[in-house]
Amino acid sequence: MRRNNSMSFDDLLKELQEQRANPEEQASLGKLFNEGFMSKYSNCRSMQEFLEKGNFQAWSTEDMALIPEELLNRHVARETKFADWKSMLDKATTELAGQS
């Protein structure tokens, strides 16, 4: 898996979709935004709880791509220690890369 500290959400989606063909390298949003990360940086214990709290019906990368970024940014700013979705995604990507 490519390690890039400034990976955009679209790049992450593309990479996760490409990894479907290679299950041993597959990363999920649950792995990227694990309970430790969510508890440390948000008011939620899991990514699923975070999404539900924002009234987003999503768990797959395809569903995440359908959420308007402006709405997601507002929810991130309200419920986490991050100013926007990109900041949250970048931090999660950096932390996951550091665990490898």
Protein backbone atom coordinates (compact mmCIF):
# COMPACT_ATOMS: atom_id res chain seq x y z
CA MET A 1 0.00 0.00 0.00
CA ARG A 2 1.28 3.43 -0.90
CA ARG A 3 2.15 5.65 2.06
CA ASN A 4 1.39 9.30 1.40
CA ASN A 5 0.85 11.77 4.20
CA SER A 6 -1.18 14.14 2.00
CA MET A 7 -3.38 11.58 0.28
CA SER A 8 -6.70 13.07 -0.81
CA PHE A 9 -9.99 11.37 -0.09
CA ASP A 10 -10.42 10.57 -3.80
CA ASP A 11 -6.94 9.03 -3.89
CA LEU A 12 -7.76 6.94 -0.82
CA LEU A 13 -10.98 5.74 -2.42
CA LYS A 14 -9.16 4.80 -5.61
CA GLU A 15 -6.47 2.95 -3.68
CA LEU A 16 -8.97 1.06 -1.54
CA GLN A 17 -10.94 0.07 -4.63
CA GLU A 18 -7.78 -1.17 -6.34
CA GLN A 19 -6.89 -3.23 -3.27
CA ARG A 20 -10.09 -5.26 -3.47
CA ALA A 21 -8.33 -7.55 -5.91
CA ASN A 22 -5.59 -8.13 -3.31
CA PRO A 23 -7.28 -8.97 0.03
CA GLU A 24 -4.06 -9.27 2.04
CA GLU A 25 -3.35 -5.59 1.35
CA GLN A 26 -6.93 -4.40 1.76
CA ALA A 27 -7.46 -1.58 4.24
CA SER A 28 -10.90 -0.51 5.39
CA LEU A 29 -12.25 2.71 6.79
CA GLY A 30 -12.61 0.79 10.05
CA LYS A 31 -8.89 0.07 10.07
CA LEU A 32 -7.94 3.60 9.07
CA PHE A 33 -10.34 5.17 11.57
CA ASN A 34 -10.03 2.52 14.28
CA GLU A 35 -11.50 2.80 17.79
CA GLY A 36 -8.25 4.15 19.24
CA PHE A 37 -8.07 6.89 16.65
CA MET A 38 -11.74 7.81 16.96
CA SER A 39 -11.66 7.84 20.78
CA LYS A 40 -8.53 10.00 20.80
CA TYR A 41 -9.62 12.56 18.23
CA SER A 42 -13.43 12.60 18.26
CA ASN A 43 -16.54 12.40 20.41
CA CYS A 44 -17.26 8.93 18.98
CA ARG A 45 -15.88 5.45 19.61
CA SER A 46 -16.04 4.27 16.00
CA MET A 47 -16.27 5.55 12.45
CA GLN A 48 -19.72 4.01 12.21
CA GLU A 49 -20.90 5.96 15.27
CA PHE A 50 -19.36 9.12 13.83
CA LEU A 51 -21.19 8.64 10.53
CA GLU A 52 -24.48 7.81 12.22
CA LYS A 53 -24.20 10.87 14.45
CA GLY A 54 -23.95 12.99 11.31
CA ASN A 55 -26.96 11.20 9.80
CA PHE A 56 -24.75 9.76 7.07
CA GLN A 57 -25.80 6.33 5.83
CA ALA A 58 -22.38 5.06 4.82
CA TRP A 59 -19.83 2.42 5.61
CA SER A 60 -18.28 1.52 2.30
CA THR A 61 -15.81 3.66 0.41
CA GLU A 62 -18.41 4.02 -2.34
CA ASP A 63 -20.91 5.44 0.17
CA MET A 64 -18.30 7.84 1.59
CA ALA A 65 -17.71 9.25 -1.89
CA LEU A 66 -21.39 10.20 -2.07
CA ILE A 67 -21.29 12.41 1.05
CA PRO A 68 -20.93 16.08 0.08
CA GLU A 69 -17.53 17.19 1.33
CA GLU A 70 -18.94 20.44 2.74
CA LEU A 71 -21.35 18.52 4.99
CA LEU A 72 -18.61 16.12 6.03
CA ASN A 73 -16.26 19.03 6.81
CA ARG A 74 -18.86 20.64 9.06
CA HIS A 75 -19.48 17.37 10.87
CA VAL A 76 -15.73 16.77 11.32
CA ALA A 77 -15.26 20.30 12.72
CA ARG A 78 -18.16 19.80 15.13
CA GLU A 79 -17.37 16.27 16.34
CA THR A 80 -13.58 15.95 16.17
CA LYS A 81 -10.36 17.81 16.95
CA PHE A 82 -9.89 18.45 13.22
CA ALA A 83 -10.92 21.49 11.19
CA ASP A 84 -11.98 19.47 8.15
CA TRP A 85 -12.17 16.02 6.56
CA LYS A 86 -8.79 16.31 4.81
CA SER A 87 -7.02 17.01 8.11
CA MET A 88 -8.72 14.03 9.73
CA LEU A 89 -7.92 11.74 6.79
CA ASP A 90 -4.30 12.90 6.65
CA LYS A 91 -3.78 12.23 10.37
CA ALA A 92 -5.38 8.78 10.16
CA THR A 93 -3.27 7.91 7.12
CA THR A 94 -0.08 9.08 8.88
CA GLU A 95 -0.89 7.09 12.03
CA LEU A 96 -1.72 3.95 10.08
CA ALA A 97 1.53 4.27 8.10
CA GLY A 98 3.44 4.60 11.37
CA GLN A 99 1.97 1.31 12.65
CA SER A 100 3.39 -0.67 9.71
